[in-house]
Amino acid sequence: MMTLPAPHIPRPRVASSTDPDLDAYNAAFGELELEWRWDASVLRDLAGIGSENDRIAAYLRAHRPHLLKVYDADALAAAIVEVKNRLLSRPTGRSN
């Protein structure tokens, strides 16, 4: 059985990493008013789980089960992925 990481304390939204996916996940959590943030170790721990939606749903079931009294894990995961992908497709304004 895979052990998932413990929940993380919310961090300021201004911090960013060198990983655009991680930044987009955290921005999506903020936009959806979800009070947690991930770091690179969370992404690594979830990497062995099938699809992106499955990884998020597994995290929710393991670390945010209280949300599943109100939300369906798969529906919430799909909403997070949708916002994350929208944010990733936006120009960042950074120059290369």
C-alpha atoms as a PDB file:
ATOM      1  CA  MET A   1       0.000   0.000   0.000  1.00  0.00           C
ATOM      2  CA  MET A   2       1.367   3.406  -0.969  1.00  0.00           C
ATOM      3  CA  THR A   3       1.791   5.945   1.801  1.00  0.00           C
ATOM      4  CA  LEU A   4       0.910   9.457   0.689  1.00  0.00           C
ATOM      5  CA  PRO A   5       2.494  12.582   2.159  1.00  0.00           C
ATOM      6  CA  ALA A   6       0.975  14.368   5.099  1.00  0.00           C
ATOM      7  CA  PRO A   7      -1.125  17.477   4.478  1.00  0.00           C
ATOM      8  CA  HIS A   8       0.854  20.656   4.082  1.00  0.00           C
ATOM      9  CA  ILE A   9       0.343  23.958   5.844  1.00  0.00           C
ATOM     10  CA  PRO A  10      -0.861  26.643   3.422  1.00  0.00           C
ATOM     11  CA  ARG A  11       1.929  28.855   2.147  1.00  0.00           C
ATOM     12  CA  PRO A  12       1.781  32.342   0.696  1.00  0.00           C
ATOM     13  CA  ARG A  13       0.583  32.342  -2.893  1.00  0.00           C
ATOM     14  CA  VAL A  14       3.423  34.572  -4.041  1.00  0.00           C
ATOM     15  CA  ALA A  15       6.054  31.856  -3.678  1.00  0.00           C
ATOM     16  CA  SER A  16       6.844  29.935  -6.823  1.00  0.00           C
ATOM     17  CA  SER A  17       8.999  26.985  -7.657  1.00  0.00           C
ATOM     18  CA  THR A  18      11.006  26.068 -10.694  1.00  0.00           C
ATOM     19  CA  ASP A  19       8.278  23.567 -11.664  1.00  0.00           C
ATOM     20  CA  PRO A  20       5.463  25.101 -13.733  1.00  0.00           C
ATOM     21  CA  ASP A  21       3.135  22.158 -12.963  1.00  0.00           C
ATOM     22  CA  LEU A  22       3.656  22.552  -9.219  1.00  0.00           C
ATOM     23  CA  ASP A  23       3.068  26.298  -9.446  1.00  0.00           C
ATOM     24  CA  ALA A  24      -0.090  25.687 -11.497  1.00  0.00           C
ATOM     25  CA  TYR A  25      -1.423  23.133  -8.998  1.00  0.00           C
ATOM     26  CA  ASN A  26      -0.875  25.540  -6.116  1.00  0.00           C
ATOM     27  CA  ALA A  27      -2.448  28.411  -8.042  1.00  0.00           C
ATOM     28  CA  ALA A  28      -5.435  26.178  -8.856  1.00  0.00           C
ATOM     29  CA  PHE A  29      -5.818  25.243  -5.180  1.00  0.00           C
ATOM     30  CA  GLY A  30      -5.812  28.940  -4.306  1.00  0.00           C
ATOM     31  CA  GLU A  31      -8.287  29.849  -7.041  1.00  0.00           C
ATOM     32  CA  LEU A  32     -10.629  27.091  -5.849  1.00  0.00           C
ATOM     33  CA  GLU A  33     -10.162  28.300  -2.247  1.00  0.00           C
ATOM     34  CA  LEU A  34      -8.603  25.031  -1.139  1.00  0.00           C
ATOM     35  CA  GLU A  35      -6.406  25.584   1.892  1.00  0.00           C
ATOM     36  CA  TRP A  36      -3.378  23.487   1.075  1.00  0.00           C
ATOM     37  CA  ARG A  37      -0.283  23.669  -1.074  1.00  0.00           C
ATOM     38  CA  TRP A  38       1.945  20.993  -2.519  1.00  0.00           C
ATOM     39  CA  ASP A  39       5.700  20.847  -2.760  1.00  0.00           C
ATOM     40  CA  ALA A  40       7.923  18.777  -5.032  1.00  0.00           C
ATOM     41  CA  SER A  41       7.895  15.818  -2.634  1.00  0.00           C
ATOM     42  CA  VAL A  42       4.107  15.531  -2.909  1.00  0.00           C
ATOM     43  CA  LEU A  43       4.325  15.374  -6.704  1.00  0.00           C
ATOM     44  CA  ARG A  44       7.034  12.701  -6.452  1.00  0.00           C
ATOM     45  CA  ASP A  45       4.990  10.645  -3.988  1.00  0.00           C
ATOM     46  CA  LEU A  46       1.914  10.781  -6.218  1.00  0.00           C
ATOM     47  CA  ALA A  47       3.800  10.096  -9.465  1.00  0.00           C
ATOM     48  CA  GLY A  48       3.233   6.328  -9.315  1.00  0.00           C
ATOM     49  CA  ILE A  49      -0.543   6.686  -9.432  1.00  0.00           C
ATOM     50  CA  GLY A  50      -2.212   6.391 -12.873  1.00  0.00           C
ATOM     51  CA  SER A  51      -3.721   9.573 -14.262  1.00  0.00           C
ATOM     52  CA  GLU A  52      -3.503  13.117 -13.003  1.00  0.00           C
ATOM     53  CA  ASN A  53      -7.123  12.936 -11.827  1.00  0.00           C
ATOM     54  CA  ASP A  54      -6.410   9.635 -10.028  1.00  0.00           C
ATOM     55  CA  ARG A  55      -3.390  11.166  -8.263  1.00  0.00           C
ATOM     56  CA  ILE A  56      -5.423  14.111  -6.992  1.00  0.00           C
ATOM     57  CA  ALA A  57      -8.337  11.892  -5.948  1.00  0.00           C
ATOM     58  CA  ALA A  58      -5.909   9.631  -4.035  1.00  0.00           C
ATOM     59  CA  TYR A  59      -4.472  12.677  -2.254  1.00  0.00           C
ATOM     60  CA  LEU A  60      -7.979  13.842  -1.353  1.00  0.00           C
ATOM     61  CA  ARG A  61      -8.966  10.429  -0.002  1.00  0.00           C
ATOM     62  CA  ALA A  62      -5.769  10.135   2.053  1.00  0.00           C
ATOM     63  CA  HIS A  63      -5.370  13.709   3.323  1.00  0.00           C
ATOM     64  CA  ARG A  64      -8.606  15.634   2.856  1.00  0.00           C
ATOM     65  CA  PRO A  65     -11.345  13.078   3.577  1.00  0.00           C
ATOM     66  CA  HIS A  66     -13.511  15.735   5.235  1.00  0.00           C
ATOM     67  CA  LEU A  67     -13.997  17.318   1.791  1.00  0.00           C
ATOM     68  CA  LEU A  68     -15.441  14.057   0.512  1.00  0.00           C
ATOM     69  CA  LYS A  69     -18.472  14.527   2.745  1.00  0.00           C
ATOM     70  CA  VAL A  70     -19.419  17.404   0.449  1.00  0.00           C
ATOM     71  CA  TYR A  71     -17.584  16.744  -2.834  1.00  0.00           C
ATOM     72  CA  ASP A  72     -17.053  13.699  -5.015  1.00  0.00           C
ATOM     73  CA  ALA A  73     -13.297  13.010  -5.160  1.00  0.00           C
ATOM     74  CA  ASP A  74     -13.298  12.478  -8.917  1.00  0.00           C
ATOM     75  CA  ALA A  75     -15.329  15.626  -9.607  1.00  0.00           C
ATOM     76  CA  LEU A  76     -13.124  17.775  -7.374  1.00  0.00           C
ATOM     77  CA  ALA A  77      -9.997  16.281  -8.954  1.00  0.00           C
ATOM     78  CA  ALA A  78     -11.364  17.069 -12.417  1.00  0.00           C
ATOM     79  CA  ALA A  79     -12.068  20.677 -11.371  1.00  0.00           C
ATOM     80  CA  ILE A  80      -8.523  21.069 -10.031  1.00  0.00           C
ATOM     81  CA  VAL A  81      -7.017  19.655 -13.242  1.00  0.00           C
ATOM     82  CA  GLU A  82      -9.204  21.925 -15.377  1.00  0.00           C
ATOM     83  CA  VAL A  83      -8.101  25.065 -13.516  1.00  0.00           C
ATOM     84  CA  LYS A  84      -4.458  23.916 -13.443  1.00  0.00           C
ATOM     85  CA  ASN A  85      -4.435  23.334 -17.200  1.00  0.00           C
ATOM     86  CA  ARG A  86      -6.092  26.694 -17.866  1.00  0.00           C
ATOM     87  CA  LEU A  87      -3.462  28.418 -15.741  1.00  0.00           C
ATOM     88  CA  LEU A  88      -0.639  26.564 -17.493  1.00  0.00           C
ATOM     89  CA  SER A  89      -1.916  27.629 -20.897  1.00  0.00           C
ATOM     90  CA  ARG A  90      -1.873  31.328 -19.932  1.00  0.00           C
ATOM     91  CA  PRO A  91       1.130  33.454 -20.878  1.00  0.00           C
ATOM     92  CA  THR A  92       3.226  34.085 -17.759  1.00  0.00           C
ATOM     93  CA  GLY A  93       4.814  37.326 -18.802  1.00  0.00           C
ATOM     94  CA  ARG A  94       8.252  35.828 -18.102  1.00  0.00           C
ATOM     95  CA  SER A  95      10.947  36.294 -20.676  1.00  0.00           C
ATOM     96  CA  ASN A  96      13.189  33.387 -21.637  1.00  0.00           C
END
